[in-house]
Amino acid sequence: MLPTVFDVVDNPKRLKFQEVDAAQLPRSLEDLDAAVINTNYAVDAGLIPGKDSIAIESKVDNPYNNVIVVREADTGKPWVPKLVHAFQNDAIRQILKEQFPGQFPAF
């Protein structure tokens, strides 16, 4: 079960939390002081995470990072390192930086 505003047990700054559908958050920014917006919705709304964010979650030990996964039976197959290298190399990193400026590739 995901947390909700009812799970907040301490709020010494008396912040007001408003749950809003993730897709609506970028449009709601004019009416809010701050929002936690998924990158895909922020980018679709014309925001640049590396420029427009006041904070970005850590890439280290982040359970929501994208990962490359293969079946355990395939881990020793010769195509696996090729697959990883196809995504994790300087050429791809540069393409991502150009195509998605300010979005900080996680690798």
N, C-alpha and C. Protein backbone atom coordinates (compact mmCIF):
# COMPACT_ATOMS: atom_id res chain seq x y z
N MET A 1 0.85 -1.18 0.00
CA MET A 1 0.00 0.00 0.00
C MET A 1 0.89 1.24 0.00
N LEU A 2 0.57 2.19 -0.84
CA LEU A 2 1.35 3.41 -0.94
C LEU A 2 0.94 4.40 0.15
N PRO A 3 1.88 5.23 0.59
CA PRO A 3 1.55 6.22 1.62
C PRO A 3 0.61 7.30 1.08
N THR A 4 -0.14 7.89 1.97
CA THR A 4 -1.04 8.99 1.63
C THR A 4 -0.79 10.12 2.62
N VAL A 5 -1.49 11.22 2.45
CA VAL A 5 -1.35 12.33 3.39
C VAL A 5 -1.75 11.93 4.80
N PHE A 6 -2.55 10.90 4.94
CA PHE A 6 -2.98 10.44 6.27
C PHE A 6 -1.85 9.72 7.01
N ASP A 7 -0.77 9.41 6.31
CA ASP A 7 0.37 8.75 6.95
C ASP A 7 1.37 9.75 7.54
N VAL A 8 1.18 11.04 7.33
CA VAL A 8 2.05 12.05 7.91
C VAL A 8 1.77 12.10 9.40
N VAL A 9 2.80 11.81 10.20
CA VAL A 9 2.60 11.75 11.65
C VAL A 9 3.14 12.99 12.37
N ASP A 10 4.01 13.74 11.71
CA ASP A 10 4.57 14.94 12.33
C ASP A 10 4.70 16.01 11.25
N ASN A 11 4.24 17.21 11.53
CA ASN A 11 4.27 18.29 10.56
C ASN A 11 4.55 19.60 11.28
N PRO A 12 5.77 19.75 11.84
CA PRO A 12 6.07 20.93 12.65
C PRO A 12 5.99 22.25 11.87
N LYS A 13 6.15 22.21 10.56
CA LYS A 13 6.06 23.45 9.77
C LYS A 13 4.64 23.73 9.29
N ARG A 14 3.74 22.85 9.67
CA ARG A 14 2.31 22.98 9.34
C ARG A 14 2.08 23.13 7.83
N LEU A 15 2.80 22.31 7.08
CA LEU A 15 2.61 22.30 5.63
C LEU A 15 1.25 21.71 5.29
N LYS A 16 0.66 22.20 4.23
CA LYS A 16 -0.62 21.65 3.76
C LYS A 16 -0.32 20.77 2.55
N PHE A 17 -0.74 19.53 2.63
CA PHE A 17 -0.51 18.58 1.55
C PHE A 17 -1.80 18.38 0.77
N GLN A 18 -1.67 18.40 -0.54
CA GLN A 18 -2.82 18.18 -1.41
C GLN A 18 -2.47 17.08 -2.39
N GLU A 19 -3.22 16.00 -2.37
CA GLU A 19 -2.98 14.92 -3.33
C GLU A 19 -3.60 15.31 -4.67
N VAL A 20 -2.79 15.21 -5.71
CA VAL A 20 -3.22 15.56 -7.06
C VAL A 20 -2.73 14.45 -7.99
N ASP A 21 -3.53 14.11 -8.98
CA ASP A 21 -3.10 13.13 -9.96
C ASP A 21 -1.79 13.59 -10.59
N ALA A 22 -0.85 12.66 -10.74
CA ALA A 22 0.50 13.00 -11.22
C ALA A 22 0.48 13.77 -12.53
N ALA A 23 -0.40 13.41 -13.43
CA ALA A 23 -0.45 14.09 -14.73
C ALA A 23 -0.92 15.54 -14.61
N GLN A 24 -1.62 15.86 -13.54
CA GLN A 24 -2.15 17.22 -13.35
C GLN A 24 -1.18 18.15 -12.62
N LEU A 25 -0.13 17.60 -12.03
CA LEU A 25 0.77 18.41 -11.21
C LEU A 25 1.43 19.57 -11.97
N PRO A 26 1.96 19.36 -13.16
CA PRO A 26 2.58 20.51 -13.84
C PRO A 26 1.60 21.67 -14.05
N ARG A 27 0.35 21.36 -14.36
CA ARG A 27 -0.65 22.42 -14.56
C ARG A 27 -1.05 23.07 -13.25
N SER A 28 -0.84 22.38 -12.15
CA SER A 28 -1.24 22.89 -10.84
C SER A 28 -0.17 23.77 -10.19
N LEU A 29 1.02 23.85 -10.79
CA LEU A 29 2.13 24.57 -10.16
C LEU A 29 1.80 26.02 -9.84
N GLU A 30 1.00 26.67 -10.66
CA GLU A 30 0.65 28.08 -10.40
C GLU A 30 -0.10 28.24 -9.09
N ASP A 31 -0.78 27.18 -8.65
CA ASP A 31 -1.58 27.24 -7.43
C ASP A 31 -0.88 26.63 -6.23
N LEU A 32 0.36 26.16 -6.41
CA LEU A 32 1.08 25.47 -5.34
C LEU A 32 2.40 26.18 -5.03
N ASP A 33 2.91 25.95 -3.84
CA ASP A 33 4.25 26.45 -3.50
C ASP A 33 5.32 25.48 -3.98
N ALA A 34 5.00 24.18 -4.00
CA ALA A 34 5.94 23.16 -4.44
C ALA A 34 5.16 21.91 -4.80
N ALA A 35 5.78 21.07 -5.61
CA ALA A 35 5.15 19.81 -5.99
C ALA A 35 6.23 18.78 -6.26
N VAL A 36 5.90 17.52 -6.06
CA VAL A 36 6.78 16.42 -6.41
C VAL A 36 6.23 15.86 -7.71
N ILE A 37 7.00 16.04 -8.80
CA ILE A 37 6.51 15.68 -10.14
C ILE A 37 7.43 14.65 -10.76
N ASN A 38 6.86 13.58 -11.29
CA ASN A 38 7.64 12.58 -12.01
C ASN A 38 8.27 13.23 -13.24
N THR A 39 9.48 12.81 -13.58
CA THR A 39 10.22 13.41 -14.69
C THR A 39 9.42 13.38 -15.98
N ASN A 40 8.78 12.27 -16.29
CA ASN A 40 8.06 12.19 -17.56
C ASN A 40 6.96 13.25 -17.66
N TYR A 41 6.26 13.53 -16.58
CA TYR A 41 5.22 14.56 -16.60
C TYR A 41 5.84 15.96 -16.64
N ALA A 42 6.93 16.15 -15.93
CA ALA A 42 7.60 17.45 -15.93
C ALA A 42 8.11 17.79 -17.33
N VAL A 43 8.77 16.84 -17.97
CA VAL A 43 9.33 17.08 -19.30
C VAL A 43 8.22 17.32 -20.32
N ASP A 44 7.15 16.52 -20.25
CA ASP A 44 6.02 16.72 -21.17
C ASP A 44 5.41 18.10 -21.03
N ALA A 45 5.52 18.69 -19.84
CA ALA A 45 4.97 20.03 -19.59
C ALA A 45 5.97 21.13 -19.93
N GLY A 46 7.15 20.76 -20.45
CA GLY A 46 8.14 21.76 -20.83
C GLY A 46 9.09 22.15 -19.71
N LEU A 47 9.05 21.46 -18.59
CA LEU A 47 9.98 21.75 -17.50
C LEU A 47 11.29 21.01 -17.76
N ILE A 48 12.38 21.55 -17.29
CA ILE A 48 13.69 20.92 -17.39
C ILE A 48 14.13 20.58 -15.98
N PRO A 49 14.12 19.29 -15.64
CA PRO A 49 14.42 18.90 -14.25
C PRO A 49 15.72 19.47 -13.70
N GLY A 50 16.79 19.50 -14.49
CA GLY A 50 18.06 20.01 -14.00
C GLY A 50 18.07 21.52 -13.81
N LYS A 51 17.10 22.22 -14.37
CA LYS A 51 17.04 23.68 -14.26
C LYS A 51 15.87 24.15 -13.39
N ASP A 52 14.74 23.51 -13.53
CA ASP A 52 13.52 23.98 -12.86
C ASP A 52 13.27 23.35 -11.49
N SER A 53 14.03 22.33 -11.14
CA SER A 53 13.80 21.63 -9.87
C SER A 53 14.46 22.34 -8.69
N ILE A 54 13.84 22.24 -7.54
CA ILE A 54 14.49 22.71 -6.31
C ILE A 54 15.24 21.56 -5.66
N ALA A 55 14.91 20.32 -6.07
CA ALA A 55 15.61 19.13 -5.58
C ALA A 55 15.35 17.99 -6.56
N ILE A 56 16.32 17.08 -6.64
CA ILE A 56 16.17 15.88 -7.47
C ILE A 56 16.58 14.70 -6.61
N GLU A 57 15.78 13.65 -6.63
CA GLU A 57 16.10 12.50 -5.80
C GLU A 57 17.42 11.87 -6.22
N SER A 58 18.08 11.27 -5.26
CA SER A 58 19.38 10.66 -5.48
C SER A 58 19.29 9.47 -6.42
N LYS A 59 20.33 9.28 -7.22
CA LYS A 59 20.43 8.10 -8.07
C LYS A 59 20.96 6.91 -7.28
N VAL A 60 21.60 7.15 -6.16
CA VAL A 60 22.23 6.10 -5.35
C VAL A 60 21.17 5.38 -4.52
N ASP A 61 21.16 4.08 -4.61
CA ASP A 61 20.21 3.25 -3.85
C ASP A 61 18.76 3.67 -4.04
N ASN A 62 18.42 4.12 -5.22
CA ASN A 62 17.07 4.58 -5.51
C ASN A 62 16.29 3.40 -6.12
N PRO A 63 15.25 2.93 -5.44
CA PRO A 63 14.51 1.77 -5.96
C PRO A 63 13.72 2.08 -7.23
N TYR A 64 13.64 3.34 -7.63
CA TYR A 64 12.86 3.71 -8.81
C TYR A 64 13.73 4.00 -10.04
N ASN A 65 15.03 3.82 -9.91
CA ASN A 65 15.90 3.96 -11.08
C ASN A 65 15.54 2.88 -12.09
N ASN A 66 15.73 3.19 -13.36
CA ASN A 66 15.57 2.16 -14.38
C ASN A 66 16.79 1.26 -14.36
N VAL A 67 16.58 -0.02 -14.51
CA VAL A 67 17.67 -0.98 -14.49
C VAL A 67 17.54 -1.93 -15.68
N ILE A 68 18.66 -2.50 -16.07
CA ILE A 68 18.66 -3.52 -17.11
C ILE A 68 18.58 -4.86 -16.40
N VAL A 69 17.60 -5.67 -16.76
CA VAL A 69 17.36 -6.94 -16.08
C VAL A 69 17.26 -8.06 -17.11
N VAL A 70 17.90 -9.18 -16.80
CA VAL A 70 17.76 -10.38 -17.63
C VAL A 70 17.42 -11.55 -16.73
N ARG A 71 16.86 -12.58 -17.32
CA ARG A 71 16.54 -13.78 -16.55
C ARG A 71 17.84 -14.39 -16.01
N GLU A 72 17.76 -14.99 -14.84
CA GLU A 72 18.94 -15.60 -14.23
C GLU A 72 19.59 -16.61 -15.17
N ALA A 73 18.78 -17.32 -15.92
CA ALA A 73 19.32 -18.32 -16.84
C ALA A 73 20.13 -17.68 -17.98
N ASP A 74 19.93 -16.39 -18.22
CA ASP A 74 20.62 -15.71 -19.32
C ASP A 74 21.83 -14.90 -18.88
N THR A 75 22.11 -14.82 -17.59
CA THR A 75 23.17 -13.93 -17.12
C THR A 75 24.54 -14.23 -17.70
N GLY A 76 24.84 -15.47 -18.04
CA GLY A 76 26.14 -15.81 -18.59
C GLY A 76 26.20 -15.79 -20.10
N LYS A 77 25.14 -15.42 -20.75
CA LYS A 77 25.10 -15.44 -22.21
C LYS A 77 25.90 -14.26 -22.77
N PRO A 78 26.54 -14.46 -23.93
CA PRO A 78 27.43 -13.43 -24.49
C PRO A 78 26.71 -12.15 -24.90
N TRP A 79 25.43 -12.18 -25.13
CA TRP A 79 24.73 -10.98 -25.54
C TRP A 79 24.43 -10.02 -24.39
N VAL A 80 24.51 -10.51 -23.15
CA VAL A 80 24.18 -9.66 -22.00
C VAL A 80 25.14 -8.49 -21.85
N PRO A 81 26.47 -8.69 -21.85
CA PRO A 81 27.36 -7.53 -21.76
C PRO A 81 27.19 -6.58 -22.95
N LYS A 82 26.86 -7.11 -24.11
CA LYS A 82 26.63 -6.26 -25.28
C LYS A 82 25.40 -5.38 -25.06
N LEU A 83 24.36 -5.96 -24.47
CA LEU A 83 23.15 -5.21 -24.17
C LEU A 83 23.45 -4.07 -23.19
N VAL A 84 24.17 -4.40 -22.13
CA VAL A 84 24.51 -3.39 -21.12
C VAL A 84 25.35 -2.28 -21.75
N HIS A 85 26.34 -2.67 -22.54
CA HIS A 85 27.19 -1.67 -23.18
C HIS A 85 26.41 -0.80 -24.17
N ALA A 86 25.38 -1.37 -24.80
CA ALA A 86 24.58 -0.61 -25.75
C ALA A 86 23.88 0.58 -25.07
N PHE A 87 23.62 0.46 -23.78
CA PHE A 87 22.96 1.54 -23.04
C PHE A 87 23.92 2.34 -22.18
N GLN A 88 24.95 1.71 -21.67
CA GLN A 88 25.85 2.36 -20.72
C GLN A 88 27.20 2.66 -21.36
N ASN A 89 27.23 3.70 -22.17
CA ASN A 89 28.49 4.12 -22.78
C ASN A 89 28.43 5.62 -23.04
N ASP A 90 29.58 6.21 -23.31
CA ASP A 90 29.65 7.66 -23.46
C ASP A 90 28.84 8.18 -24.64
N ALA A 91 28.77 7.40 -25.73
CA ALA A 91 28.00 7.85 -26.89
C ALA A 91 26.51 7.96 -26.55
N ILE A 92 25.99 6.96 -25.88
CA ILE A 92 24.57 6.99 -25.48
C ILE A 92 24.35 8.08 -24.45
N ARG A 93 25.25 8.22 -23.50
CA ARG A 93 25.15 9.27 -22.48
C ARG A 93 25.06 10.64 -23.15
N GLN A 94 25.88 10.88 -24.17
CA GLN A 94 25.87 12.16 -24.88
C GLN A 94 24.55 12.37 -25.62
N ILE A 95 24.06 11.31 -26.27
CA ILE A 95 22.77 11.41 -26.96
C ILE A 95 21.66 11.77 -25.98
N LEU A 96 21.66 11.10 -24.83
CA LEU A 96 20.64 11.39 -23.82
C LEU A 96 20.74 12.82 -23.32
N LYS A 97 21.95 13.31 -23.12
CA LYS A 97 22.12 14.70 -22.66
C LYS A 97 21.60 15.68 -23.70
N GLU A 98 21.81 15.36 -24.98
CA GLU A 98 21.33 16.25 -26.05
C GLU A 98 19.82 16.16 -26.24
N GLN A 99 19.29 14.94 -26.21
CA GLN A 99 17.87 14.74 -26.43
C GLN A 99 17.02 15.14 -25.22
N PHE A 100 17.59 14.97 -24.03
CA PHE A 100 16.85 15.23 -22.80
C PHE A 100 17.66 16.11 -21.88
N PRO A 101 17.90 17.36 -22.27
CA PRO A 101 18.77 18.23 -21.46
C PRO A 101 18.25 18.42 -20.04
N GLY A 102 19.19 18.34 -19.11
CA GLY A 102 18.84 18.58 -17.71
C GLY A 102 18.19 17.42 -17.01
N GLN A 103 18.16 16.24 -17.63
CA GLN A 103 17.47 15.12 -17.00
C GLN A 103 18.42 14.12 -16.35
N PHE A 104 19.70 14.37 -16.39
CA PHE A 104 20.70 13.57 -15.66
C PHE A 104 20.53 12.07 -15.83
N PRO A 105 21.09 11.48 -16.90
CA PRO A 105 21.04 10.01 -17.02
C PRO A 105 21.60 9.34 -15.77
N ALA A 106 21.00 8.26 -15.36
CA ALA A 106 21.33 7.63 -14.09
C ALA A 106 22.57 6.74 -14.13
N PHE A 107 23.20 6.56 -15.28
CA PHE A 107 24.36 5.68 -15.31
C PHE A 107 25.63 6.44 -15.48
